[in-house]
Amino acid sequence: MILDLHTHSIKSDDGRAKVENYCQWIRTRELPIDGFVLTEHRQFDLESDYSGLAGEFGLTILKGAEVETEYGHVLVFGVTEPLMQEFDFGNIHLPLARVIEACESHGAVPVPCHPGRKRVGMSAHLEEHGVPEGVRIVEIYNGGSRDNEDQVAQDMARDLGYLGIGGSDAHIVSHVGRCATRFPAPITSEQVLVEALNAGEFEAVTFREAG
């Protein structure tokens, strides 16, 4: 099963894609993905229910979040209401250690995203802050990466022993599915996604020409 683990809808401040339009694009373009995870900026979208769209289009639609720390941006999978009480998702100066600690306490998985990117990527902050404890997975394929940003991410993952995921970081419909993550078994819920990530049962893949 192949999921795009990093997408943004109009729920994000700079997102311009409706979830239904993502579904339509995936099906009409016959993209090689089975679904996607909505990781809205600085929030977890508790209110939206996409089960109807998922059923209509035969896709898996899950939800996560993207938060901001001193090491750059971090995807969070397996968000629950108790986790949301642990730190302010809207705070743009979150301590990464606090995010990791809270995720571990509540069964969620934190994943630094686009870590090869300047300013908002983890690699840009290692010299100042050192190697953080508790990171196990980073995003090594990002559909919005430029120049050698993905290579920087891959080199960092190799050097520090991290596993790697892929996500499109789509903010517009035509970017969905550029990068994704392959799982050996179906991912049917956020909890199953967390279990697969914790088990290391995945592989980052890229389809940069898919759109």
N, C-alpha and C. Protein backbone atom coordinates (compact mmCIF):
# COMPACT_ATOMS: atom_id res chain seq x y z
N MET A 1 0.85 -1.19 0.00
CA MET A 1 0.00 0.00 0.00
C MET A 1 0.88 1.24 0.00
N ILE A 2 0.53 2.22 -0.83
CA ILE A 2 1.35 3.43 -0.95
C ILE A 2 0.54 4.64 -0.53
N LEU A 3 1.05 5.36 0.46
CA LEU A 3 0.40 6.55 0.98
C LEU A 3 1.31 7.77 0.87
N ASP A 4 0.73 8.88 0.46
CA ASP A 4 1.40 10.17 0.52
C ASP A 4 1.23 10.68 1.95
N LEU A 5 2.33 10.73 2.71
CA LEU A 5 2.22 11.03 4.14
C LEU A 5 2.29 12.52 4.49
N HIS A 6 2.28 13.39 3.50
CA HIS A 6 2.47 14.82 3.80
C HIS A 6 1.70 15.67 2.79
N THR A 7 0.47 16.05 3.15
CA THR A 7 -0.34 16.91 2.28
C THR A 7 -1.05 17.98 3.10
N HIS A 8 -1.43 19.05 2.41
CA HIS A 8 -2.14 20.16 3.05
C HIS A 8 -3.37 20.52 2.23
N SER A 9 -4.47 20.78 2.92
CA SER A 9 -5.70 21.21 2.26
C SER A 9 -5.94 22.69 2.56
N ILE A 10 -7.11 23.17 2.19
CA ILE A 10 -7.45 24.57 2.47
C ILE A 10 -7.58 24.83 3.97
N LYS A 11 -7.52 23.77 4.78
CA LYS A 11 -7.50 23.96 6.23
C LYS A 11 -6.20 24.60 6.69
N SER A 12 -5.14 24.41 5.91
CA SER A 12 -3.86 25.05 6.22
C SER A 12 -3.86 26.47 5.67
N ASP A 13 -3.12 27.35 6.33
CA ASP A 13 -3.16 28.76 5.95
C ASP A 13 -2.69 29.01 4.52
N ASP A 14 -1.79 28.18 4.01
CA ASP A 14 -1.29 28.38 2.65
C ASP A 14 -1.71 27.25 1.72
N GLY A 15 -2.64 26.40 2.16
CA GLY A 15 -3.12 25.32 1.31
C GLY A 15 -4.20 25.80 0.36
N ARG A 16 -4.18 25.32 -0.87
CA ARG A 16 -5.15 25.76 -1.87
C ARG A 16 -5.94 24.59 -2.46
N ALA A 17 -5.85 23.43 -1.82
CA ALA A 17 -6.50 22.25 -2.37
C ALA A 17 -7.63 21.76 -1.48
N LYS A 18 -8.76 21.46 -2.08
CA LYS A 18 -9.84 20.81 -1.36
C LYS A 18 -9.59 19.30 -1.37
N VAL A 19 -9.97 18.65 -0.30
CA VAL A 19 -9.71 17.21 -0.18
C VAL A 19 -10.40 16.44 -1.31
N GLU A 20 -11.61 16.82 -1.65
CA GLU A 20 -12.31 16.16 -2.75
C GLU A 20 -11.54 16.28 -4.05
N ASN A 21 -10.92 17.44 -4.27
CA ASN A 21 -10.15 17.63 -5.51
C ASN A 21 -8.89 16.79 -5.54
N TYR A 22 -8.27 16.57 -4.37
CA TYR A 22 -7.15 15.63 -4.31
C TYR A 22 -7.62 14.25 -4.78
N CYS A 23 -8.75 13.82 -4.26
CA CYS A 23 -9.28 12.50 -4.62
C CYS A 23 -9.55 12.40 -6.11
N GLN A 24 -10.18 13.42 -6.66
CA GLN A 24 -10.49 13.43 -8.08
C GLN A 24 -9.22 13.38 -8.93
N TRP A 25 -8.22 14.14 -8.52
CA TRP A 25 -6.96 14.19 -9.27
C TRP A 25 -6.27 12.83 -9.26
N ILE A 26 -6.23 12.20 -8.09
CA ILE A 26 -5.58 10.89 -7.96
C ILE A 26 -6.24 9.88 -8.88
N ARG A 27 -7.55 9.89 -8.92
CA ARG A 27 -8.27 8.91 -9.74
C ARG A 27 -8.21 9.24 -11.23
N THR A 28 -8.42 10.48 -11.60
CA THR A 28 -8.42 10.82 -13.03
C THR A 28 -7.03 10.70 -13.64
N ARG A 29 -6.02 11.00 -12.87
CA ARG A 29 -4.64 10.87 -13.36
C ARG A 29 -4.06 9.48 -13.10
N GLU A 30 -4.84 8.62 -12.46
CA GLU A 30 -4.40 7.26 -12.15
C GLU A 30 -3.05 7.25 -11.44
N LEU A 31 -2.93 8.08 -10.43
CA LEU A 31 -1.67 8.16 -9.68
C LEU A 31 -1.45 6.86 -8.90
N PRO A 32 -0.20 6.46 -8.74
CA PRO A 32 0.11 5.17 -8.11
C PRO A 32 0.13 5.23 -6.59
N ILE A 33 -0.86 5.90 -6.00
CA ILE A 33 -0.96 5.95 -4.54
C ILE A 33 -2.36 5.49 -4.13
N ASP A 34 -2.45 4.99 -2.92
CA ASP A 34 -3.71 4.45 -2.41
C ASP A 34 -4.41 5.39 -1.42
N GLY A 35 -3.79 6.52 -1.16
CA GLY A 35 -4.38 7.47 -0.24
C GLY A 35 -3.35 8.49 0.23
N PHE A 36 -3.75 9.28 1.21
CA PHE A 36 -2.88 10.36 1.67
C PHE A 36 -3.23 10.73 3.11
N VAL A 37 -2.27 11.41 3.74
CA VAL A 37 -2.47 11.90 5.10
C VAL A 37 -2.45 13.42 5.07
N LEU A 38 -3.47 14.03 5.64
CA LEU A 38 -3.57 15.49 5.72
C LEU A 38 -2.84 15.95 6.97
N THR A 39 -1.75 16.67 6.77
CA THR A 39 -0.92 17.14 7.89
C THR A 39 -0.97 18.66 7.93
N GLU A 40 -2.07 19.18 8.40
CA GLU A 40 -2.29 20.62 8.37
C GLU A 40 -1.31 21.36 9.28
N HIS A 41 -0.95 22.55 8.86
CA HIS A 41 0.02 23.36 9.59
C HIS A 41 -0.50 23.79 10.96
N ARG A 42 0.32 23.55 11.99
CA ARG A 42 0.11 24.09 13.34
C ARG A 42 -1.28 23.78 13.92
N GLN A 43 -1.81 22.62 13.57
CA GLN A 43 -3.14 22.26 14.07
C GLN A 43 -3.39 20.78 13.80
N PHE A 44 -4.35 20.23 14.53
CA PHE A 44 -4.91 18.94 14.16
C PHE A 44 -6.38 19.15 13.93
N ASP A 45 -6.85 18.75 12.77
CA ASP A 45 -8.23 18.99 12.35
C ASP A 45 -9.16 17.92 12.93
N LEU A 46 -9.69 18.21 14.10
CA LEU A 46 -10.59 17.26 14.75
C LEU A 46 -11.96 17.18 14.07
N GLU A 47 -12.40 18.27 13.48
CA GLU A 47 -13.79 18.37 13.06
C GLU A 47 -14.11 17.68 11.74
N SER A 48 -13.16 17.58 10.84
CA SER A 48 -13.47 17.07 9.49
C SER A 48 -13.54 15.55 9.46
N ASP A 49 -14.56 15.05 8.76
CA ASP A 49 -14.74 13.62 8.57
C ASP A 49 -14.68 13.33 7.07
N TYR A 50 -13.63 12.62 6.66
CA TYR A 50 -13.44 12.35 5.24
C TYR A 50 -13.79 10.92 4.86
N SER A 51 -14.49 10.21 5.74
CA SER A 51 -14.82 8.81 5.47
C SER A 51 -15.72 8.67 4.24
N GLY A 52 -16.60 9.64 4.03
CA GLY A 52 -17.46 9.59 2.85
C GLY A 52 -16.67 9.68 1.56
N LEU A 53 -15.74 10.63 1.51
CA LEU A 53 -14.89 10.78 0.33
C LEU A 53 -14.01 9.55 0.14
N ALA A 54 -13.49 9.03 1.24
CA ALA A 54 -12.64 7.85 1.16
C ALA A 54 -13.40 6.68 0.53
N GLY A 55 -14.65 6.50 0.96
CA GLY A 55 -15.46 5.43 0.40
C GLY A 55 -15.82 5.66 -1.05
N GLU A 56 -16.17 6.90 -1.38
CA GLU A 56 -16.57 7.23 -2.75
C GLU A 56 -15.45 6.99 -3.75
N PHE A 57 -14.21 7.34 -3.35
CA PHE A 57 -13.09 7.25 -4.29
C PHE A 57 -12.21 6.02 -4.05
N GLY A 58 -12.54 5.23 -3.04
CA GLY A 58 -11.73 4.05 -2.76
C GLY A 58 -10.32 4.39 -2.33
N LEU A 59 -10.19 5.43 -1.54
CA LEU A 59 -8.88 5.88 -1.06
C LEU A 59 -8.84 5.88 0.47
N THR A 60 -7.66 5.78 1.01
CA THR A 60 -7.46 5.96 2.44
C THR A 60 -7.13 7.41 2.71
N ILE A 61 -7.89 8.07 3.57
CA ILE A 61 -7.64 9.47 3.92
C ILE A 61 -7.49 9.55 5.43
N LEU A 62 -6.29 9.86 5.87
CA LEU A 62 -5.98 9.95 7.29
C LEU A 62 -5.58 11.36 7.64
N LYS A 63 -5.44 11.62 8.95
CA LYS A 63 -5.07 12.96 9.40
C LYS A 63 -3.89 12.91 10.35
N GLY A 64 -3.04 13.93 10.23
CA GLY A 64 -1.92 14.13 11.14
C GLY A 64 -1.78 15.62 11.38
N ALA A 65 -0.56 16.07 11.61
CA ALA A 65 -0.31 17.49 11.84
C ALA A 65 1.12 17.82 11.46
N GLU A 66 1.38 19.09 11.24
CA GLU A 66 2.75 19.59 11.06
C GLU A 66 2.97 20.73 12.04
N VAL A 67 3.93 20.55 12.92
CA VAL A 67 4.21 21.55 13.94
C VAL A 67 5.61 22.13 13.73
N GLU A 68 5.90 23.22 14.44
CA GLU A 68 7.16 23.93 14.22
C GLU A 68 8.00 23.95 15.50
N THR A 69 9.27 23.57 15.36
CA THR A 69 10.18 23.49 16.49
C THR A 69 11.48 24.24 16.19
N GLU A 70 12.38 24.27 17.16
CA GLU A 70 13.66 24.93 16.93
C GLU A 70 14.53 24.16 15.94
N TYR A 71 14.14 22.92 15.64
CA TYR A 71 14.85 22.12 14.64
C TYR A 71 14.13 22.14 13.29
N GLY A 72 13.11 22.96 13.15
CA GLY A 72 12.35 22.99 11.91
C GLY A 72 11.01 22.30 12.07
N HIS A 73 10.39 22.00 10.95
CA HIS A 73 9.03 21.47 10.95
C HIS A 73 9.03 19.96 11.20
N VAL A 74 7.97 19.50 11.88
CA VAL A 74 7.86 18.10 12.28
C VAL A 74 6.45 17.60 12.02
N LEU A 75 6.34 16.49 11.29
CA LEU A 75 5.05 15.84 11.12
C LEU A 75 4.75 15.01 12.36
N VAL A 76 3.48 14.97 12.74
CA VAL A 76 3.06 14.16 13.88
C VAL A 76 1.93 13.24 13.43
N PHE A 77 2.17 11.93 13.56
CA PHE A 77 1.17 10.93 13.19
C PHE A 77 0.63 10.27 14.45
N GLY A 78 -0.68 10.00 14.48
CA GLY A 78 -1.29 9.40 15.64
C GLY A 78 -1.73 10.42 16.68
N VAL A 79 -2.15 11.59 16.21
CA VAL A 79 -2.59 12.65 17.13
C VAL A 79 -3.90 12.25 17.81
N THR A 80 -3.96 12.47 19.10
CA THR A 80 -5.18 12.23 19.88
C THR A 80 -5.50 13.49 20.67
N GLU A 81 -6.70 13.55 21.20
CA GLU A 81 -7.06 14.71 22.01
C GLU A 81 -6.18 14.85 23.25
N PRO A 82 -5.83 13.76 23.94
CA PRO A 82 -4.89 13.91 25.07
C PRO A 82 -3.54 14.47 24.63
N LEU A 83 -3.05 14.07 23.47
CA LEU A 83 -1.79 14.63 22.98
C LEU A 83 -1.91 16.12 22.73
N MET A 84 -3.06 16.54 22.24
CA MET A 84 -3.27 17.95 21.95
C MET A 84 -3.25 18.81 23.20
N GLN A 85 -3.44 18.19 24.36
CA GLN A 85 -3.38 18.93 25.62
C GLN A 85 -1.95 19.11 26.12
N GLU A 86 -1.03 18.38 25.51
CA GLU A 86 0.36 18.38 26.00
C GLU A 86 1.16 19.59 25.54
N PHE A 87 0.86 20.09 24.36
CA PHE A 87 1.55 21.28 23.87
C PHE A 87 0.66 22.00 22.87
N ASP A 88 0.96 23.26 22.65
CA ASP A 88 0.17 24.11 21.76
C ASP A 88 0.62 23.89 20.32
N PHE A 89 -0.20 23.24 19.53
CA PHE A 89 0.16 22.96 18.14
C PHE A 89 0.39 24.24 17.35
N GLY A 90 -0.18 25.34 17.79
CA GLY A 90 -0.03 26.60 17.07
C GLY A 90 1.22 27.38 17.42
N ASN A 91 1.95 26.94 18.42
CA ASN A 91 3.18 27.60 18.85
C ASN A 91 4.28 27.34 17.83
N ILE A 92 4.88 28.39 17.27
CA ILE A 92 5.92 28.21 16.25
C ILE A 92 7.31 28.07 16.87
N HIS A 93 7.39 28.01 18.19
CA HIS A 93 8.68 27.87 18.87
C HIS A 93 8.67 26.67 19.82
N LEU A 94 8.05 25.58 19.39
CA LEU A 94 7.98 24.40 20.24
C LEU A 94 9.36 23.76 20.42
N PRO A 95 9.70 23.32 21.61
CA PRO A 95 10.94 22.54 21.79
C PRO A 95 10.74 21.14 21.21
N LEU A 96 11.63 20.72 20.34
CA LEU A 96 11.49 19.40 19.74
C LEU A 96 11.48 18.31 20.81
N ALA A 97 12.30 18.48 21.85
CA ALA A 97 12.34 17.47 22.92
C ALA A 97 10.97 17.30 23.56
N ARG A 98 10.25 18.40 23.72
CA ARG A 98 8.91 18.34 24.32
C ARG A 98 7.94 17.61 23.39
N VAL A 99 8.02 17.90 22.10
CA VAL A 99 7.15 17.23 21.13
C VAL A 99 7.42 15.73 21.13
N ILE A 100 8.68 15.35 21.11
CA ILE A 100 9.04 13.93 21.11
C ILE A 100 8.57 13.25 22.38
N GLU A 101 8.79 13.89 23.52
CA GLU A 101 8.38 13.32 24.80
C GLU A 101 6.86 13.10 24.83
N ALA A 102 6.11 14.11 24.40
CA ALA A 102 4.66 14.01 24.41
C ALA A 102 4.18 12.92 23.46
N CYS A 103 4.80 12.84 22.28
CA CYS A 103 4.42 11.80 21.32
C CYS A 103 4.69 10.41 21.89
N GLU A 104 5.82 10.24 22.51
CA GLU A 104 6.14 8.94 23.11
C GLU A 104 5.14 8.57 24.20
N SER A 105 4.71 9.56 24.97
CA SER A 105 3.77 9.30 26.06
C SER A 105 2.38 8.93 25.57
N HIS A 106 2.03 9.40 24.36
CA HIS A 106 0.67 9.21 23.86
C HIS A 106 0.61 8.34 22.61
N GLY A 107 1.67 7.61 22.32
CA GLY A 107 1.64 6.67 21.21
C GLY A 107 1.62 7.29 19.84
N ALA A 108 2.17 8.49 19.70
CA ALA A 108 2.25 9.15 18.40
C ALA A 108 3.69 9.06 17.87
N VAL A 109 3.87 9.40 16.61
CA VAL A 109 5.18 9.33 15.97
C VAL A 109 5.55 10.69 15.39
N PRO A 110 6.65 11.30 15.86
CA PRO A 110 7.12 12.57 15.31
C PRO A 110 8.14 12.32 14.20
N VAL A 111 8.01 13.03 13.09
CA VAL A 111 8.91 12.84 11.95
C VAL A 111 9.33 14.20 11.40
N PRO A 112 10.57 14.63 11.64
CA PRO A 112 11.03 15.88 11.02
C PRO A 112 10.87 15.81 9.51
N CYS A 113 10.25 16.84 8.93
CA CYS A 113 9.99 16.83 7.49
C CYS A 113 10.91 17.81 6.76
N HIS A 114 11.03 17.58 5.45
CA HIS A 114 11.97 18.32 4.60
C HIS A 114 13.21 18.74 5.39
N PRO A 115 13.92 17.78 6.00
CA PRO A 115 15.04 18.13 6.87
C PRO A 115 16.25 18.71 6.14
N GLY A 116 16.25 18.61 4.82
CA GLY A 116 17.35 19.20 4.07
C GLY A 116 17.13 20.64 3.67
N ARG A 117 16.00 21.20 4.07
CA ARG A 117 15.65 22.55 3.67
C ARG A 117 16.24 23.58 4.63
N LYS A 118 16.65 24.69 4.10
CA LYS A 118 17.19 25.76 4.93
C LYS A 118 16.10 26.32 5.84
N ARG A 119 16.49 26.68 7.03
CA ARG A 119 15.66 27.34 8.03
C ARG A 119 14.58 26.43 8.62
N VAL A 120 13.78 25.79 7.80
CA VAL A 120 12.67 24.98 8.34
C VAL A 120 12.98 23.49 8.32
N GLY A 121 14.24 23.11 8.04
CA GLY A 121 14.64 21.72 8.03
C GLY A 121 15.63 21.41 9.15
N MET A 122 15.58 20.21 9.64
CA MET A 122 16.37 19.81 10.80
C MET A 122 17.87 19.95 10.57
N SER A 123 18.35 19.63 9.38
CA SER A 123 19.79 19.65 9.14
C SER A 123 20.39 21.04 9.33
N ALA A 124 19.58 22.07 9.10
CA ALA A 124 20.07 23.45 9.22
C ALA A 124 20.35 23.85 10.66
N HIS A 125 19.88 23.04 11.61
CA HIS A 125 19.98 23.43 13.02
C HIS A 125 20.86 22.49 13.85
N LEU A 126 21.44 21.49 13.20
CA LEU A 126 22.25 20.52 13.95
C LEU A 126 23.51 21.16 14.53
N GLU A 127 24.12 22.06 13.77
CA GLU A 127 25.36 22.68 14.25
C GLU A 127 25.09 23.53 15.50
N GLU A 128 23.97 24.22 15.50
CA GLU A 128 23.65 25.09 16.64
C GLU A 128 23.14 24.31 17.84
N HIS A 129 22.27 23.34 17.60
CA HIS A 129 21.58 22.67 18.71
C HIS A 129 22.08 21.25 18.99
N GLY A 130 22.88 20.69 18.08
CA GLY A 130 23.32 19.31 18.26
C GLY A 130 22.30 18.31 17.73
N VAL A 131 22.66 17.04 17.78
CA VAL A 131 21.77 15.99 17.32
C VAL A 131 20.71 15.72 18.39
N PRO A 132 19.43 15.86 18.07
CA PRO A 132 18.39 15.66 19.08
C PRO A 132 18.20 14.19 19.43
N GLU A 133 17.83 13.95 20.65
CA GLU A 133 17.53 12.59 21.08
C GLU A 133 16.08 12.24 20.72
N GLY A 134 15.86 11.00 20.38
CA GLY A 134 14.50 10.52 20.18
C GLY A 134 14.00 10.52 18.76
N VAL A 135 14.74 11.12 17.82
CA VAL A 135 14.33 11.08 16.41
C VAL A 135 14.70 9.72 15.84
N ARG A 136 13.75 9.07 15.19
CA ARG A 136 13.99 7.76 14.58
C ARG A 136 13.71 7.76 13.08
N ILE A 137 12.83 8.66 12.66
CA ILE A 137 12.39 8.69 11.27
C ILE A 137 12.41 10.13 10.78
N VAL A 138 12.85 10.35 9.55
CA VAL A 138 12.77 11.68 8.94
C VAL A 138 12.23 11.51 7.51
N GLU A 139 11.79 12.61 6.94
CA GLU A 139 11.29 12.60 5.57
C GLU A 139 12.48 12.76 4.63
N ILE A 140 12.72 11.75 3.78
CA ILE A 140 13.87 11.81 2.87
C ILE A 140 13.47 12.12 1.43
N TYR A 141 12.19 11.99 1.11
CA TYR A 141 11.66 12.44 -0.18
C TYR A 141 10.54 13.42 0.09
N ASN A 142 10.69 14.64 -0.41
CA ASN A 142 9.67 15.67 -0.25
C ASN A 142 9.38 16.25 -1.62
N GLY A 143 8.10 16.25 -2.00
CA GLY A 143 7.74 16.69 -3.33
C GLY A 143 8.00 18.15 -3.62
N GLY A 144 8.23 18.94 -2.57
CA GLY A 144 8.51 20.36 -2.76
C GLY A 144 9.98 20.70 -2.68
N SER A 145 10.83 19.68 -2.58
CA SER A 145 12.26 19.94 -2.43
C SER A 145 12.86 20.54 -3.70
N ARG A 146 13.87 21.35 -3.49
CA ARG A 146 14.59 21.96 -4.61
C ARG A 146 16.07 21.62 -4.50
N ASP A 147 16.76 21.78 -5.62
CA ASP A 147 18.22 21.58 -5.65
C ASP A 147 18.57 20.24 -5.01
N ASN A 148 19.44 20.28 -3.99
CA ASN A 148 19.91 19.04 -3.36
C ASN A 148 19.28 18.79 -2.00
N GLU A 149 18.11 19.39 -1.73
CA GLU A 149 17.52 19.27 -0.39
C GLU A 149 17.22 17.83 0.00
N ASP A 150 16.71 17.03 -0.93
CA ASP A 150 16.45 15.63 -0.60
C ASP A 150 17.75 14.87 -0.37
N GLN A 151 18.78 15.20 -1.13
CA GLN A 151 20.06 14.53 -0.94
C GLN A 151 20.64 14.84 0.43
N VAL A 152 20.51 16.09 0.87
CA VAL A 152 20.95 16.46 2.21
C VAL A 152 20.19 15.65 3.25
N ALA A 153 18.88 15.50 3.05
CA ALA A 153 18.05 14.73 3.98
C ALA A 153 18.49 13.27 4.01
N GLN A 154 18.74 12.71 2.84
CA GLN A 154 19.14 11.31 2.76
C GLN A 154 20.50 11.08 3.39
N ASP A 155 21.42 12.01 3.16
CA ASP A 155 22.75 11.89 3.76
C ASP A 155 22.66 11.97 5.28
N MET A 156 21.84 12.90 5.77
CA MET A 156 21.67 13.02 7.22
C MET A 156 21.07 11.76 7.80
N ALA A 157 20.05 11.21 7.14
CA ALA A 157 19.41 9.99 7.62
C ALA A 157 20.41 8.84 7.66
N ARG A 158 21.23 8.73 6.64
CA ARG A 158 22.24 7.67 6.60
C ARG A 158 23.26 7.85 7.72
N ASP A 159 23.75 9.06 7.88
CA ASP A 159 24.80 9.32 8.86
C ASP A 159 24.31 9.13 10.29
N LEU A 160 23.04 9.45 10.54
CA LEU A 160 22.50 9.39 11.91
C LEU A 160 21.65 8.15 12.16
N GLY A 161 21.53 7.30 11.15
CA GLY A 161 20.82 6.04 11.34
C GLY A 161 19.32 6.15 11.40
N TYR A 162 18.75 7.13 10.67
CA TYR A 162 17.30 7.31 10.68
C TYR A 162 16.65 6.52 9.54
N LEU A 163 15.42 6.10 9.76
CA LEU A 163 14.59 5.57 8.69
C LEU A 163 13.99 6.74 7.91
N GLY A 164 13.51 6.47 6.69
CA GLY A 164 13.01 7.56 5.87
C GLY A 164 11.63 7.32 5.29
N ILE A 165 10.81 8.37 5.29
CA ILE A 165 9.49 8.34 4.64
C ILE A 165 9.49 9.31 3.46
N GLY A 166 8.41 9.24 2.68
CA GLY A 166 8.23 10.17 1.58
C GLY A 166 6.85 10.81 1.63
N GLY A 167 6.77 12.07 1.22
CA GLY A 167 5.50 12.78 1.15
C GLY A 167 5.60 13.91 0.15
N SER A 168 4.49 14.26 -0.46
CA SER A 168 4.52 15.27 -1.52
C SER A 168 4.65 16.69 -0.98
N ASP A 169 4.19 16.91 0.26
CA ASP A 169 4.10 18.27 0.80
C ASP A 169 3.21 19.13 -0.10
N ALA A 170 2.19 18.49 -0.67
CA ALA A 170 1.31 19.17 -1.62
C ALA A 170 0.49 20.25 -0.94
N HIS A 171 0.47 21.42 -1.57
CA HIS A 171 -0.40 22.51 -1.18
C HIS A 171 -1.42 22.82 -2.28
N ILE A 172 -1.14 22.28 -3.47
CA ILE A 172 -2.07 22.39 -4.59
C ILE A 172 -2.32 20.99 -5.15
N VAL A 173 -3.45 20.82 -5.81
CA VAL A 173 -3.91 19.50 -6.21
C VAL A 173 -2.89 18.76 -7.06
N SER A 174 -2.28 19.45 -8.02
CA SER A 174 -1.42 18.76 -8.98
C SER A 174 -0.11 18.26 -8.39
N HIS A 175 0.18 18.59 -7.14
CA HIS A 175 1.42 18.13 -6.52
C HIS A 175 1.25 16.85 -5.71
N VAL A 176 0.03 16.42 -5.45
CA VAL A 176 -0.18 15.23 -4.63
C VAL A 176 0.43 14.01 -5.31
N GLY A 177 1.01 13.13 -4.51
CA GLY A 177 1.56 11.90 -5.04
C GLY A 177 2.95 11.99 -5.62
N ARG A 178 3.59 13.15 -5.55
CA ARG A 178 4.94 13.26 -6.09
C ARG A 178 5.92 12.36 -5.33
N CYS A 179 5.74 12.27 -4.03
CA CYS A 179 6.54 11.38 -3.20
C CYS A 179 5.59 10.71 -2.21
N ALA A 180 5.95 9.52 -1.77
CA ALA A 180 5.04 8.77 -0.91
C ALA A 180 5.83 7.71 -0.13
N THR A 181 5.09 6.87 0.57
CA THR A 181 5.70 5.82 1.38
C THR A 181 4.96 4.52 1.13
N ARG A 182 5.74 3.46 0.87
CA ARG A 182 5.17 2.14 0.58
C ARG A 182 5.17 1.29 1.85
N PHE A 183 4.02 0.68 2.13
CA PHE A 183 3.87 -0.21 3.27
C PHE A 183 3.54 -1.61 2.76
N PRO A 184 4.00 -2.67 3.44
CA PRO A 184 3.74 -4.02 2.97
C PRO A 184 2.33 -4.52 3.25
N ALA A 185 1.60 -3.83 4.11
CA ALA A 185 0.24 -4.24 4.47
C ALA A 185 -0.68 -3.02 4.43
N PRO A 186 -1.99 -3.23 4.35
CA PRO A 186 -2.94 -2.11 4.30
C PRO A 186 -2.85 -1.24 5.55
N ILE A 187 -2.96 0.07 5.33
CA ILE A 187 -3.02 1.05 6.42
C ILE A 187 -4.45 1.56 6.46
N THR A 188 -5.17 1.17 7.49
CA THR A 188 -6.61 1.46 7.53
C THR A 188 -7.00 2.55 8.53
N SER A 189 -6.05 2.99 9.35
CA SER A 189 -6.36 4.00 10.35
C SER A 189 -5.07 4.67 10.80
N GLU A 190 -5.22 5.78 11.53
CA GLU A 190 -4.05 6.44 12.08
C GLU A 190 -3.27 5.51 13.01
N GLN A 191 -4.00 4.69 13.78
CA GLN A 191 -3.34 3.78 14.71
C GLN A 191 -2.52 2.72 13.97
N VAL A 192 -3.06 2.19 12.88
CA VAL A 192 -2.33 1.20 12.10
C VAL A 192 -1.10 1.85 11.46
N LEU A 193 -1.25 3.10 11.04
CA LEU A 193 -0.10 3.84 10.49
C LEU A 193 1.00 3.98 11.53
N VAL A 194 0.63 4.35 12.74
CA VAL A 194 1.59 4.47 13.83
C VAL A 194 2.31 3.15 14.08
N GLU A 195 1.55 2.08 14.09
CA GLU A 195 2.14 0.75 14.33
C GLU A 195 3.15 0.39 13.24
N ALA A 196 2.80 0.70 12.00
CA ALA A 196 3.71 0.39 10.89
C ALA A 196 4.98 1.24 10.96
N LEU A 197 4.81 2.51 11.31
CA LEU A 197 5.98 3.38 11.43
C LEU A 197 6.87 2.92 12.58
N ASN A 198 6.27 2.57 13.69
CA ASN A 198 7.05 2.11 14.84
C ASN A 198 7.78 0.80 14.54
N ALA A 199 7.17 -0.02 13.69
CA ALA A 199 7.78 -1.30 13.34
C ALA A 199 8.86 -1.16 12.25
N GLY A 200 8.96 0.02 11.68
CA GLY A 200 9.93 0.23 10.61
C GLY A 200 9.55 -0.44 9.31
N GLU A 201 8.28 -0.73 9.14
CA GLU A 201 7.82 -1.47 7.96
C GLU A 201 7.34 -0.51 6.88
N PHE A 202 8.28 0.12 6.20
CA PHE A 202 7.93 1.07 5.15
C PHE A 202 9.15 1.41 4.32
N GLU A 203 8.89 2.05 3.18
CA GLU A 203 9.96 2.46 2.27
C GLU A 203 9.54 3.74 1.57
N ALA A 204 10.40 4.75 1.59
CA ALA A 204 10.11 6.00 0.86
C ALA A 204 10.24 5.78 -0.63
N VAL A 205 9.28 6.34 -1.39
CA VAL A 205 9.31 6.23 -2.84
C VAL A 205 9.03 7.60 -3.46
N THR A 206 9.46 7.79 -4.70
CA THR A 206 9.22 9.06 -5.37
C THR A 206 8.60 8.83 -6.74
N PHE A 207 7.61 9.63 -7.07
CA PHE A 207 6.93 9.60 -8.38
C PHE A 207 6.88 11.04 -8.88
N ARG A 208 8.00 11.65 -9.05
CA ARG A 208 8.01 13.09 -9.33
C ARG A 208 7.32 13.46 -10.63
N GLU A 209 7.14 12.50 -11.50
CA GLU A 209 6.45 12.79 -12.76
C GLU A 209 4.98 12.37 -12.70
N ALA A 210 4.54 11.92 -11.51
CA ALA A 210 3.17 11.39 -11.42
C ALA A 210 2.11 12.42 -11.73
N GLY A 211 2.36 13.69 -11.35
CA GLY A 211 1.36 14.70 -11.58
C GLY A 211 1.44 15.31 -12.94
